[in-house]
């Protein structure tokens, strides 16, 4: 234990020492990004006049612009910090996150993007309500959207706390919680003022910055190893202390039968989760046509694919250049591997180059977090205002102004909840947290969307059973899993009340969501409206009558 504490102190000194001389530069970089994005938000806010502007950016974005924004929304703290950390600590098994996150886009492209754009208006609830009873399905869709978004927000908040505390040398829990609160306040400002237009432009800027920053670090790491990938992987395996096992399956998911099951569960959640993520689904409504929606996903796949290829170099580069014990001492879950690798390739602790590169990469990662939390908050507040407030509480009688006002108040409330939960989750691996959000989304949202679009016998009862059954089972299994208690890296340390052995519930909750949707529809006495289904089918496949 004492050696771990010493290593942790060493890393804190390394980061703070390398950055302290250049603290004005660091603060300037962070400040410049925040000011620039606030300017964009205020500019966009002045053009936000209607509900369509607030929820969908007036449907004015091109396929390329939306593809860039989707990339900005999707490449989160989990991608930049969590995956690099997972690869640095677990080698091949960590690399599987990159594969899962990328393959998931094929499901979104082939099954969801175009039909959803054609069928809905602003939210997932619009699609379900088209052929089912409005109030119950909108309530369920809104509840699910908010829960999934909050799970995802936890990861971003945890990443923000780790990142800025490393950069500024903050070691106290109070300081880390203050950073989480700052991110929460900024995201509330972005969404309440800018709506979808402001959020989209922030995401586009952030995507460009993240790709540029990752490309720079990738180039510098490869330069260290003469652009020889074999040499890089060999150095990573040797420096990790695991030898050849570092480059083979099983370091994390293979030691026991339970860990193998956990891997299968993780894989299912990653591949199916994207097509059910609320903040990704609402992006399909910001383009004018279904063709543009399809084109935006194609652009997103290209940009995201290039990024995930670079995370492989980031992760294995961190393993090759840094001691495993130093990475863990800085952050138990490995979330600081990428910034520490940036410090190392820039010249090391105390060097001007190292401090500048650490500041730049950390500012880019901070930009990543702010853009993603804005998208998540917008998705959940939009669903509350449009589905629950306007169509359930006000029964469709709310004006557009009242609806947008409700969305802004919901943003504040969701921001406060996220800050509170993010403070508890600050020591968890952000890639693992996002995988949980994927599992909840795939359990509650995806079965309902697919059944609604492609199965004519699907009923309101089936939709409710699927959403609530998938949602409750996923959340309960997470609460009683090692993610929350029972391990040193759990959310609540020193307590042990877990009984579900897997860290990801997808292998149980996702099939259950599909099963309950089918069972509820088969057992229901409600007769599906064949005419409505035929209308939805034509609309989803052709775009006739789409908004």
Protein backbone atom coordinates (compact mmCIF):
# COMPACT_ATOMS: atom_id res chain seq x y z
CA UNK A 1 0.00 0.00 0.00
CA UNK A 2 2.79 2.44 0.88
CA UNK A 3 4.45 1.92 -2.51
CA UNK A 4 1.14 2.71 -4.21
CA UNK A 5 0.81 5.92 -2.22
CA UNK A 6 4.38 6.90 -3.09
CA UNK A 7 3.76 6.19 -6.76
CA UNK A 8 0.57 8.21 -6.62
CA UNK A 9 2.43 11.11 -5.07
CA UNK A 10 5.12 10.80 -7.73
CA UNK A 11 2.58 10.98 -10.53
CA UNK A 12 0.80 13.92 -8.93
CA UNK A 13 4.11 15.73 -8.62
CA UNK A 14 4.99 14.72 -12.19
CA UNK A 15 1.80 16.22 -13.56
CA UNK A 16 1.66 19.25 -11.32
CA UNK A 17 5.38 19.88 -11.56
CA UNK A 18 5.34 19.65 -15.32
CA UNK A 19 2.40 21.99 -15.46
CA UNK A 20 2.95 24.43 -12.58
CA UNK A 21 5.50 26.57 -14.42
CA UNK A 22 3.05 26.93 -17.27
CA UNK A 23 -0.11 27.35 -15.21
CA UNK A 24 -0.98 30.63 -17.00
CA UNK A 25 -0.82 28.80 -20.36
CA UNK A 26 -3.03 26.01 -19.06
CA UNK A 27 -5.62 28.41 -17.67
CA UNK A 28 -5.50 30.42 -20.92
CA UNK A 29 -6.16 27.31 -23.05
CA UNK A 30 -9.06 26.18 -20.89
CA UNK A 31 -10.43 29.71 -20.74
CA UNK A 32 -10.11 30.21 -24.50
CA UNK A 33 -12.13 27.12 -25.23
CA UNK A 34 -14.84 27.95 -22.69
CA UNK A 35 -15.14 31.54 -23.95
CA UNK A 36 -15.21 30.42 -27.61
CA UNK A 37 -17.91 27.84 -26.98
CA UNK A 38 -19.96 30.24 -24.88
CA UNK A 39 -19.77 32.74 -27.76
CA UNK A 40 -21.03 30.06 -30.18
CA UNK A 41 -23.81 29.16 -27.74
CA UNK A 42 -24.99 32.76 -27.35
CA UNK A 43 -24.85 33.28 -31.14
CA UNK A 44 -26.90 30.13 -31.72
CA UNK A 45 -29.28 31.03 -28.89
CA UNK A 46 -30.27 34.22 -30.69
CA UNK A 47 -31.38 32.11 -33.66
CA UNK A 48 -33.39 29.69 -31.52
CA UNK A 49 -36.96 30.89 -31.84
CA UNK A 50 -39.13 27.78 -32.11
CA UNK A 51 -39.35 24.29 -30.60
CA UNK A 52 -37.91 22.89 -33.86
CA UNK A 53 -34.90 25.19 -33.43
CA UNK A 54 -34.38 24.15 -29.80
CA UNK A 55 -34.87 20.39 -30.31
CA UNK A 56 -33.59 19.85 -33.87
CA UNK A 57 -31.60 22.94 -34.84
CA UNK A 58 -34.27 23.87 -37.37
CA UNK A 59 -33.30 20.72 -39.38
CA UNK A 60 -30.77 22.90 -41.22
CA UNK A 61 -27.55 20.87 -40.87
CA UNK A 62 -25.99 19.05 -43.83
CA UNK A 63 -25.02 15.37 -43.79
CA UNK A 64 -21.35 16.22 -43.28
CA UNK A 65 -22.06 18.76 -40.51
CA UNK A 66 -24.30 16.30 -38.70
CA UNK A 67 -21.77 13.51 -39.18
CA UNK A 68 -19.11 15.70 -37.59
CA UNK A 69 -21.50 16.57 -34.74
CA UNK A 70 -22.43 12.90 -34.23
CA UNK A 71 -18.70 12.14 -34.01
CA UNK A 72 -18.32 14.91 -31.45
CA UNK A 73 -21.27 13.54 -29.50
CA UNK A 74 -20.05 9.94 -29.63
CA UNK A 75 -16.30 10.35 -29.03
CA UNK A 76 -16.68 10.99 -25.34
CA UNK A 77 -14.42 10.88 -22.31
CA UNK A 78 -14.86 7.11 -22.51
CA UNK A 79 -13.26 7.10 -25.94
CA UNK A 80 -10.37 9.42 -25.23
CA UNK A 81 -9.58 8.68 -21.58
CA UNK A 82 -11.28 5.39 -20.74
CA UNK A 83 -10.30 3.29 -23.77
CA UNK A 84 -6.69 4.50 -23.73
CA UNK A 85 -6.56 3.64 -20.02
CA UNK A 86 -8.14 0.23 -20.51
CA UNK A 87 -5.63 -0.64 -23.25
CA UNK A 88 -2.71 0.67 -21.16
CA UNK A 89 -3.72 -1.57 -18.23
CA UNK A 90 -5.17 -4.65 -19.95
CA UNK A 91 -3.69 -4.65 -23.46
CA UNK A 92 -5.74 -6.69 -25.94
CA UNK A 93 -8.79 -6.87 -23.66
CA UNK A 94 -8.88 -3.08 -23.37
CA UNK A 95 -8.63 -2.78 -27.15
CA UNK A 96 -11.96 -4.65 -27.43
CA UNK A 97 -13.74 -1.46 -26.31
CA UNK A 98 -12.54 0.26 -29.50
CA UNK A 99 -13.88 -2.56 -31.66
CA UNK A 100 -17.26 -2.68 -29.89
CA UNK A 101 -17.87 1.07 -30.03
CA UNK A 102 -17.08 1.12 -33.77
CA UNK A 103 -19.01 -2.00 -34.86
CA UNK A 104 -22.07 -0.63 -33.05
CA UNK A 105 -22.43 1.99 -35.79
CA UNK A 106 -23.32 -0.67 -38.34
CA UNK A 107 -26.44 -1.51 -36.31
CA UNK A 108 -27.34 2.17 -36.11
CA UNK A 109 -26.81 2.67 -39.85
CA UNK A 110 -28.58 -0.45 -41.11
CA UNK A 111 -31.55 -0.60 -38.72
CA UNK A 112 -32.25 2.74 -37.10
CA UNK A 113 -30.93 5.96 -38.68
CA UNK A 114 -33.16 6.36 -41.75
CA UNK A 115 -36.45 4.86 -40.42
CA UNK A 116 -36.17 6.86 -37.21
CA UNK A 117 -35.53 10.12 -39.08
CA UNK A 118 -38.59 9.48 -41.25
CA UNK A 119 -40.91 8.37 -38.43
CA UNK A 120 -40.27 10.82 -35.61
CA UNK A 121 -40.25 14.52 -35.00
CA UNK A 122 -38.04 15.32 -32.02
CA UNK A 123 -37.73 12.27 -29.73
CA UNK A 124 -37.95 8.47 -29.55
CA UNK A 125 -41.38 8.91 -27.94
CA UNK A 126 -42.71 10.35 -31.22
CA UNK A 127 -42.04 7.05 -33.01
CA UNK A 128 -43.73 4.94 -30.32
CA UNK A 129 -46.72 7.25 -29.96
CA UNK A 130 -47.52 7.10 -33.68
CA UNK A 131 -49.29 3.73 -33.43
CA UNK A 132 -49.81 3.32 -29.66
CA UNK A 133 -51.49 5.03 -26.73
CA UNK A 134 -49.68 8.35 -26.35
CA UNK A 135 -49.54 9.03 -22.64
CA UNK A 136 -48.19 5.71 -21.28
CA UNK A 137 -45.58 5.17 -24.02
CA UNK A 138 -44.37 8.78 -23.92
CA UNK A 139 -44.01 8.56 -20.13
CA UNK A 140 -42.01 5.34 -20.49
CA UNK A 141 -39.84 6.73 -23.31
CA UNK A 142 -39.14 9.93 -21.37
CA UNK A 143 -38.22 8.00 -18.21
CA UNK A 144 -35.89 5.68 -20.11
CA UNK A 145 -34.21 8.57 -21.94
CA UNK A 146 -33.50 10.43 -18.70
CA UNK A 147 -32.09 7.34 -16.92
CA UNK A 148 -29.80 6.36 -19.83
CA UNK A 149 -28.59 9.95 -20.19
CA UNK A 150 -27.76 10.21 -16.49
CA UNK A 151 -25.76 6.95 -16.62
CA UNK A 152 -23.80 8.36 -19.56
CA UNK A 153 -23.37 11.72 -17.83
CA UNK A 154 -21.73 9.96 -14.86
CA UNK A 155 -18.87 8.89 -17.11
CA UNK A 156 -18.30 12.40 -18.43
CA UNK A 157 -18.36 13.92 -14.95
CA UNK A 158 -15.91 11.30 -13.67
CA UNK A 159 -13.60 12.03 -16.61
CA UNK A 160 -13.74 15.78 -15.96
CA UNK A 161 -12.83 15.39 -12.30
CA UNK A 162 -9.85 13.14 -13.07
CA UNK A 163 -8.57 15.25 -15.94
CA UNK A 164 -8.58 18.71 -14.41
CA UNK A 165 -7.38 17.49 -11.02
CA UNK A 166 -4.38 15.85 -12.74
CA UNK A 167 -3.61 19.01 -14.70
CA UNK A 168 -3.92 21.43 -11.81
CA UNK A 169 -2.44 19.10 -9.19
CA UNK A 170 -5.68 18.96 -7.19
CA UNK A 171 -5.69 15.93 -4.89
CA UNK A 172 -8.48 16.74 -2.44
CA UNK A 173 -11.93 15.22 -2.89
CA UNK A 174 -13.47 18.67 -2.41
CA UNK A 175 -11.44 20.06 -5.31
CA UNK A 176 -12.48 17.21 -7.61
CA UNK A 177 -16.14 17.68 -6.68
CA UNK A 178 -15.82 21.41 -7.44
CA UNK A 179 -14.54 20.53 -10.93
CA UNK A 180 -17.51 18.21 -11.50
CA UNK A 181 -19.81 21.04 -10.42
CA UNK A 182 -18.11 23.46 -12.86
CA UNK A 183 -18.70 21.06 -15.77
CA UNK A 184 -22.33 20.72 -14.69
CA UNK A 185 -22.87 24.47 -14.61
CA UNK A 186 -21.29 24.93 -18.05
CA UNK A 187 -23.45 22.21 -19.61
CA UNK A 188 -26.58 23.81 -18.15
CA UNK A 189 -25.57 27.14 -19.73
CA UNK A 190 -24.86 25.54 -23.14
CA UNK A 191 -28.22 23.80 -23.35
CA UNK A 192 -30.50 26.43 -21.82
CA UNK A 193 -29.10 29.21 -24.02
CA UNK A 194 -28.07 27.48 -27.25
CA UNK A 195 -30.44 24.53 -27.60
CA UNK A 196 -29.65 22.08 -30.41
CA UNK A 197 -28.05 24.70 -32.67
CA UNK A 198 -25.52 25.79 -30.06
CA UNK A 199 -24.86 22.21 -28.93
CA UNK A 200 -24.31 21.02 -32.52
CA UNK A 201 -21.76 23.74 -33.32
CA UNK A 202 -19.90 23.06 -30.05
CA UNK A 203 -19.81 19.35 -30.94
CA UNK A 204 -18.46 20.08 -34.42
CA UNK A 205 -15.66 22.29 -33.06
CA UNK A 206 -14.86 19.71 -30.43
CA UNK A 207 -14.69 16.86 -32.98
CA UNK A 208 -12.12 18.77 -35.05
CA UNK A 209 -10.05 19.57 -31.94
CA UNK A 210 -10.18 15.99 -30.66
CA UNK A 211 -9.13 14.45 -33.98
CA UNK A 212 -6.31 16.99 -34.34
CA UNK A 213 -5.08 16.45 -30.76
CA UNK A 214 -5.25 12.67 -31.01
CA UNK A 215 -3.47 12.75 -34.38
CA UNK A 216 -0.65 14.83 -32.85
CA UNK A 217 -0.11 12.45 -29.91
CA UNK A 218 -0.36 9.41 -32.19
CA UNK A 219 2.31 10.89 -34.48
CA UNK A 220 4.64 11.68 -31.56
CA UNK A 221 4.24 8.21 -30.02
CA UNK A 222 4.91 6.50 -33.36
CA UNK A 223 7.90 8.81 -33.87
CA UNK A 224 9.36 7.47 -30.60
CA UNK A 225 9.25 3.96 -32.08
CA UNK A 226 10.34 4.88 -35.63
CA UNK A 227 6.77 4.31 -36.88
CA UNK A 228 7.23 0.60 -36.22
CA UNK A 229 4.03 -0.84 -34.73
CA UNK A 230 5.70 -4.15 -33.92
CA UNK A 231 8.36 -2.32 -31.91
CA UNK A 232 5.66 -0.30 -30.10
CA UNK A 233 3.64 -3.41 -29.17
CA UNK A 234 6.77 -5.26 -28.07
CA UNK A 235 7.81 -2.37 -25.81
CA UNK A 236 4.26 -2.17 -24.37
CA UNK A 237 4.22 -5.91 -23.59
CA UNK A 238 7.65 -5.77 -21.94
CA UNK A 239 6.99 -2.61 -19.95
CA UNK A 240 3.61 -3.86 -18.74
CA UNK A 241 5.20 -6.68 -16.78
CA UNK A 242 2.79 -9.16 -18.39
CA UNK A 243 4.95 -10.13 -21.36
CA UNK A 244 3.23 -11.78 -24.33
CA UNK A 245 0.01 -12.16 -22.32
CA UNK A 246 -0.48 -8.39 -22.65
CA UNK A 247 -1.07 -8.78 -26.38
CA UNK A 248 -3.33 -11.82 -26.07
CA UNK A 249 -6.98 -12.23 -24.99
CA UNK A 250 -7.72 -13.00 -21.36
CA UNK A 251 -5.81 -10.51 -19.21
CA UNK A 252 -9.06 -9.01 -17.91
CA UNK A 253 -11.77 -11.17 -19.48
CA UNK A 254 -10.52 -14.72 -19.36
CA UNK A 255 -9.12 -15.66 -15.98
CA UNK A 256 -12.45 -17.17 -14.83
CA UNK A 257 -15.76 -18.26 -16.29
CA UNK A 258 -17.37 -15.17 -14.77
CA UNK A 259 -14.95 -12.80 -16.50
CA UNK A 260 -15.58 -14.56 -19.83
CA UNK A 261 -19.31 -14.06 -19.35
CA UNK A 262 -18.61 -10.44 -18.47
CA UNK A 263 -16.80 -10.02 -21.77
CA UNK A 264 -19.75 -11.45 -23.74
CA UNK A 265 -22.08 -9.18 -21.80
CA UNK A 266 -19.89 -6.17 -22.53
CA UNK A 267 -19.70 -7.03 -26.23
CA UNK A 268 -23.49 -7.35 -26.58
CA UNK A 269 -24.02 -4.04 -24.77
CA UNK A 270 -21.47 -2.15 -26.89
CA UNK A 271 -22.68 -3.46 -30.25
CA UNK A 272 -26.41 -2.97 -29.58
CA UNK A 273 -26.27 0.06 -27.31
CA UNK A 274 -25.48 2.83 -29.81
CA UNK A 275 -28.76 2.36 -31.70
CA UNK A 276 -30.66 3.03 -28.45
CA UNK A 277 -28.69 6.01 -27.10
CA UNK A 278 -31.03 9.04 -26.80
CA UNK A 279 -28.39 11.70 -27.53
CA UNK A 280 -27.40 9.86 -30.73
CA UNK A 281 -31.00 9.21 -31.81
CA UNK A 282 -32.01 12.88 -31.62
CA UNK A 283 -29.14 13.81 -33.94
CA UNK A 284 -30.98 12.12 -36.83
CA UNK A 285 -33.73 14.76 -36.55
CA UNK A 286 -31.38 17.70 -37.22
CA UNK A 287 -31.03 17.00 -40.96
CA UNK A 288 -33.65 17.89 -43.61
CA UNK A 289 -33.97 14.47 -45.30
CA UNK A 290 -33.51 10.75 -44.72
CA UNK A 291 -30.73 10.75 -47.32
CA UNK A 292 -28.86 13.35 -45.25
CA UNK A 293 -29.37 11.20 -42.13
CA UNK A 294 -27.84 8.21 -43.90
CA UNK A 295 -24.97 10.35 -45.22
CA UNK A 296 -24.31 11.77 -41.74
CA UNK A 297 -23.93 8.24 -40.31
CA UNK A 298 -21.50 7.35 -43.13
CA UNK A 299 -19.38 10.40 -42.29
CA UNK A 300 -19.57 9.56 -38.58
CA UNK A 301 -18.38 5.98 -39.19
CA UNK A 302 -15.35 7.25 -41.16
CA UNK A 303 -14.37 9.88 -38.58
CA UNK A 304 -15.00 7.65 -35.56
CA UNK A 305 -13.21 4.71 -37.20
CA UNK A 306 -10.08 6.80 -37.77
CA UNK A 307 -10.21 8.01 -34.17
CA UNK A 308 -10.53 4.50 -32.68
CA UNK A 309 -7.56 3.30 -34.73
CA UNK A 310 -5.54 6.07 -33.06
CA UNK A 311 -6.72 5.07 -29.56
CA UNK A 312 -4.86 1.79 -30.10
CA UNK A 313 -1.61 3.74 -30.47
CA UNK A 314 -2.52 5.96 -27.49
CA UNK A 315 -3.20 3.00 -25.20
CA UNK A 316 -0.27 0.80 -26.17
CA UNK A 317 1.96 3.89 -26.33
CA UNK A 318 1.05 4.75 -22.73
CA UNK A 319 1.81 1.14 -21.73
CA UNK A 320 5.18 1.32 -23.48
CA UNK A 321 6.23 4.72 -22.10
CA UNK A 322 4.79 4.69 -18.56
CA UNK A 323 5.00 2.32 -15.64
CA UNK A 324 1.82 0.40 -14.96
CA UNK A 325 2.06 1.30 -11.27
CA UNK A 326 2.29 5.04 -12.10
CA UNK A 327 -0.82 4.91 -14.28
CA UNK A 328 -2.79 3.11 -11.55
CA UNK A 329 -1.45 5.43 -8.85
CA UNK A 330 -2.58 8.48 -10.80
CA UNK A 331 -6.03 6.98 -11.34
CA UNK A 332 -7.01 3.42 -10.37
CA UNK A 333 -9.10 2.95 -13.49
CA UNK A 334 -6.37 4.23 -15.83
CA UNK A 335 -8.26 7.32 -17.01
CA UNK A 336 -5.13 9.50 -16.98
CA UNK A 337 -3.02 7.28 -19.28
CA UNK A 338 -3.51 9.47 -22.38
CA UNK A 339 -2.67 12.83 -20.72
CA UNK A 340 0.37 11.28 -18.98
CA UNK A 341 1.52 9.85 -22.33
CA UNK A 342 1.18 13.35 -23.82
CA UNK A 343 3.38 14.73 -21.03
CA UNK A 344 5.97 12.01 -21.69
CA UNK A 345 6.21 12.40 -25.49
CA UNK A 346 6.36 16.17 -25.10
CA UNK A 347 9.61 15.92 -23.14
CA UNK A 348 8.62 14.60 -19.73
CA UNK A 349 7.97 16.21 -16.36
CA UNK A 350 9.47 19.67 -15.96
CA UNK A 351 9.91 20.25 -19.70
CA UNK A 352 8.20 23.10 -21.52
CA UNK A 353 7.13 20.80 -24.36
CA UNK A 354 5.65 18.27 -21.96
CA UNK A 355 3.71 20.91 -20.04
CA UNK A 356 2.38 22.50 -23.24
CA UNK A 357 1.32 19.18 -24.72
CA UNK A 358 -0.30 18.08 -21.45
CA UNK A 359 -2.21 21.37 -21.34
CA UNK A 360 -3.33 21.12 -24.98
CA UNK A 361 -4.47 17.50 -24.75
CA UNK A 362 -6.21 18.08 -21.43
CA UNK A 363 -7.99 21.13 -22.85
CA UNK A 364 -9.12 19.02 -25.83
CA UNK A 365 -10.35 16.27 -23.49
CA UNK A 366 -12.18 18.88 -21.42
CA UNK A 367 -13.78 20.16 -24.63
CA UNK A 368 -14.81 16.58 -25.38
CA UNK A 369 -16.52 16.25 -22.03
CA UNK A 370 -18.37 19.58 -22.27
CA UNK A 371 -19.68 18.82 -25.77
CA UNK A 372 -20.92 15.35 -24.84
CA UNK A 373 -22.60 16.41 -21.60
CA UNK A 374 -24.39 19.17 -23.51
CA UNK A 375 -25.73 16.61 -26.00
CA UNK A 376 -26.83 14.23 -23.25
CA UNK A 377 -28.52 16.95 -21.24
CA UNK A 378 -30.31 18.22 -24.33
CA UNK A 379 -31.60 14.71 -25.13
CA UNK A 380 -32.99 14.14 -21.63
CA UNK A 381 -34.46 17.63 -21.17
CA UNK A 382 -36.05 17.49 -24.65
CA UNK A 383 -37.65 14.16 -23.87
CA UNK A 384 -39.01 15.45 -20.57
CA UNK A 385 -40.42 18.62 -22.12
CA UNK A 386 -41.76 17.13 -25.36
CA UNK A 387 -42.90 13.69 -24.17
CA UNK A 388 -43.78 14.06 -20.49
CA UNK A 389 -44.64 17.75 -20.01
CA UNK A 390 -46.27 18.68 -23.34
CA UNK A 391 -47.99 15.40 -24.22
CA UNK A 392 -48.64 13.74 -20.84
CA UNK A 393 -49.01 16.50 -18.24
CA UNK A 394 -50.47 19.16 -20.58
CA UNK A 395 -52.14 16.60 -22.92
CA UNK A 396 -50.85 18.28 -26.07
CA UNK A 397 -52.11 21.75 -25.11
CA UNK A 398 -48.74 23.34 -24.27
CA UNK A 399 -47.48 26.11 -26.53
CA UNK A 400 -44.02 25.89 -28.11
CA UNK A 401 -42.76 28.59 -25.74
CA UNK A 402 -44.03 26.67 -22.69
CA UNK A 403 -42.45 23.47 -24.00
CA UNK A 404 -39.04 25.08 -24.49
CA UNK A 405 -39.27 26.73 -21.07
CA UNK A 406 -39.97 23.31 -19.51
CA UNK A 407 -36.94 21.88 -21.34
CA UNK A 408 -34.72 24.61 -19.88
CA UNK A 409 -35.93 23.97 -16.34
CA UNK A 410 -35.45 20.22 -16.86
CA UNK A 411 -31.88 20.96 -17.95
CA UNK A 412 -31.16 22.63 -14.61
CA UNK A 413 -32.65 19.74 -12.61
CA UNK A 414 -30.82 17.05 -14.62
CA UNK A 415 -27.60 19.03 -14.28
CA UNK A 416 -27.91 19.11 -10.49
CA UNK A 417 -28.58 15.35 -10.29
CA UNK A 418 -25.64 14.63 -12.60
CA UNK A 419 -23.28 16.74 -10.49
CA UNK A 420 -24.30 14.85 -7.32
CA UNK A 421 -23.90 11.39 -8.90
CA UNK A 422 -20.76 12.38 -10.82
CA UNK A 423 -19.05 13.26 -7.56
CA UNK A 424 -19.62 9.67 -6.35
CA UNK A 425 -18.38 8.11 -9.62
CA UNK A 426 -15.11 10.04 -9.93
CA UNK A 427 -12.86 6.98 -9.37
CA UNK A 428 -14.55 4.60 -11.83
CA UNK A 429 -13.23 3.82 -15.33
CA UNK A 430 -15.18 6.05 -17.68
CA UNK A 431 -15.24 3.45 -20.48
CA UNK A 432 -16.83 0.97 -18.07
CA UNK A 433 -19.44 3.54 -17.00
CA UNK A 434 -20.35 4.28 -20.60
CA UNK A 435 -20.67 0.54 -21.27
CA UNK A 436 -23.31 0.48 -18.52
CA UNK A 437 -25.22 3.27 -20.27
CA UNK A 438 -25.01 1.24 -23.49
CA UNK A 439 -26.44 -1.80 -21.67
CA UNK A 440 -29.37 0.19 -20.26
CA UNK A 441 -30.06 1.77 -23.69
CA UNK A 442 -29.93 -1.60 -25.47
CA UNK A 443 -32.20 -3.19 -22.83
CA UNK A 444 -34.92 -0.53 -22.68
CA UNK A 445 -34.85 1.49 -25.91
CA UNK A 446 -33.61 -0.72 -28.74
CA UNK A 447 -36.19 -3.56 -28.45
CA UNK A 448 -39.03 -1.04 -28.39
CA UNK A 449 -37.72 0.91 -31.38
CA UNK A 450 -37.18 -2.19 -33.51
CA UNK A 451 -40.50 -3.79 -32.59
CA UNK A 452 -42.34 -0.54 -33.24
CA UNK A 453 -40.76 -0.06 -36.66
CA UNK A 454 -40.78 -3.65 -37.92
CA UNK A 455 -43.43 -5.76 -36.08
CA UNK A 456 -47.09 -5.11 -36.81
CA UNK A 457 -48.36 -7.06 -33.77
CA UNK A 458 -46.47 -4.86 -31.30
CA UNK A 459 -48.79 -3.23 -28.76
CA UNK A 460 -48.73 -0.54 -26.08
CA UNK A 461 -48.49 -3.25 -23.40
CA UNK A 462 -45.49 -4.78 -25.16
CA UNK A 463 -43.81 -1.37 -25.37
CA UNK A 464 -44.34 -0.71 -21.65
CA UNK A 465 -43.15 -4.17 -20.61
CA UNK A 466 -40.10 -3.85 -22.85
CA UNK A 467 -39.07 -0.35 -21.72
CA UNK A 468 -39.75 -0.73 -17.99
CA UNK A 469 -38.64 -4.38 -17.84
CA UNK A 470 -35.38 -3.73 -19.67
CA UNK A 471 -34.74 -0.51 -17.75
CA UNK A 472 -35.48 -1.86 -14.28
CA UNK A 473 -33.59 -5.14 -14.80
CA UNK A 474 -30.49 -3.33 -16.13
CA UNK A 475 -30.45 -0.71 -13.36
CA UNK A 476 -31.10 -3.25 -10.55
CA UNK A 477 -28.34 -5.56 -11.81
CA UNK A 478 -25.93 -2.61 -11.99
CA UNK A 479 -26.83 -1.53 -8.43
CA UNK A 480 -26.05 -5.01 -7.12
CA UNK A 481 -22.92 -5.51 -9.21
CA UNK A 482 -19.21 -4.96 -8.39
CA UNK A 483 -19.44 -1.57 -10.12
CA UNK A 484 -21.31 -0.18 -7.09
CA UNK A 485 -19.85 -2.18 -4.17
CA UNK A 486 -17.44 -4.93 -3.19
CA UNK A 487 -14.23 -3.85 -4.98
CA UNK A 488 -11.54 -1.20 -4.43
CA UNK A 489 -12.67 0.49 -7.67
CA UNK A 490 -16.39 0.38 -6.80
CA UNK A 491 -18.49 3.51 -6.46
CA UNK A 492 -19.05 2.88 -2.73
CA UNK A 493 -15.86 1.70 -1.06
CA UNK A 494 -15.81 -0.29 2.15
CA UNK A 495 -19.26 -1.82 1.66
CA UNK A 496 -20.21 -5.05 -0.04
CA UNK A 497 -23.81 -5.76 -1.03
CA UNK A 498 -23.38 -7.08 -4.55
CA UNK A 499 -24.80 -10.46 -5.60
CA UNK A 500 -24.77 -10.12 -9.41
CA UNK A 501 -21.22 -11.19 -10.36
CA UNK A 502 -20.91 -9.38 -13.73
CA UNK A 503 -19.89 -5.75 -14.16
CA UNK A 504 -22.13 -5.34 -17.21
CA UNK A 505 -25.77 -6.55 -17.13
CA UNK A 506 -26.28 -6.70 -20.92
CA UNK A 507 -26.24 -10.51 -21.24
CA UNK A 508 -29.32 -10.71 -18.99
CA UNK A 509 -31.17 -7.41 -19.40
CA UNK A 510 -31.00 -7.05 -23.23
CA UNK A 511 -32.59 -10.44 -24.08
CA UNK A 512 -35.09 -9.78 -21.28
CA UNK A 513 -36.09 -6.46 -22.88
CA UNK A 514 -36.75 -8.20 -26.21
CA UNK A 515 -38.57 -11.10 -24.51
CA UNK A 516 -40.84 -8.83 -22.46
CA UNK A 517 -41.73 -6.76 -25.54
CA UNK A 518 -42.82 -9.92 -27.36
CA UNK A 519 -44.56 -11.44 -24.34
CA UNK A 520 -46.47 -8.27 -23.45
CA UNK A 521 -47.73 -7.96 -27.03
CA UNK A 522 -48.75 -11.63 -27.31
CA UNK A 523 -50.57 -11.65 -23.95
CA UNK A 524 -52.23 -8.26 -24.45
CA UNK A 525 -55.92 -8.17 -25.35
CA UNK A 526 -55.29 -4.95 -27.22
CA UNK A 527 -55.62 -5.22 -31.00
CA UNK A 528 -52.82 -3.47 -32.93
CA UNK A 529 -53.98 -0.86 -35.42
CA UNK A 530 -53.03 -2.44 -38.77
CA UNK A 531 -53.74 0.80 -40.62
CA UNK A 532 -51.42 2.82 -38.38
CA UNK A 533 -48.68 0.23 -38.77
CA UNK A 534 -49.01 0.35 -42.56
CA UNK A 535 -48.76 4.15 -42.46
CA UNK A 536 -45.69 4.00 -40.22
CA UNK A 537 -44.06 1.38 -42.44
CA UNK A 538 -44.51 3.49 -45.58
CA UNK A 539 -43.40 6.63 -43.76
CA UNK A 540 -40.30 5.03 -42.20
CA UNK A 541 -39.13 3.40 -45.44
CA UNK A 542 -39.93 6.16 -47.92
CA UNK A 543 -39.98 9.40 -45.93
CA UNK A 544 -43.45 10.32 -47.23
CA UNK A 545 -45.04 12.69 -44.72
CA UNK A 546 -41.87 13.00 -42.61
CA UNK A 547 -41.31 16.28 -40.77
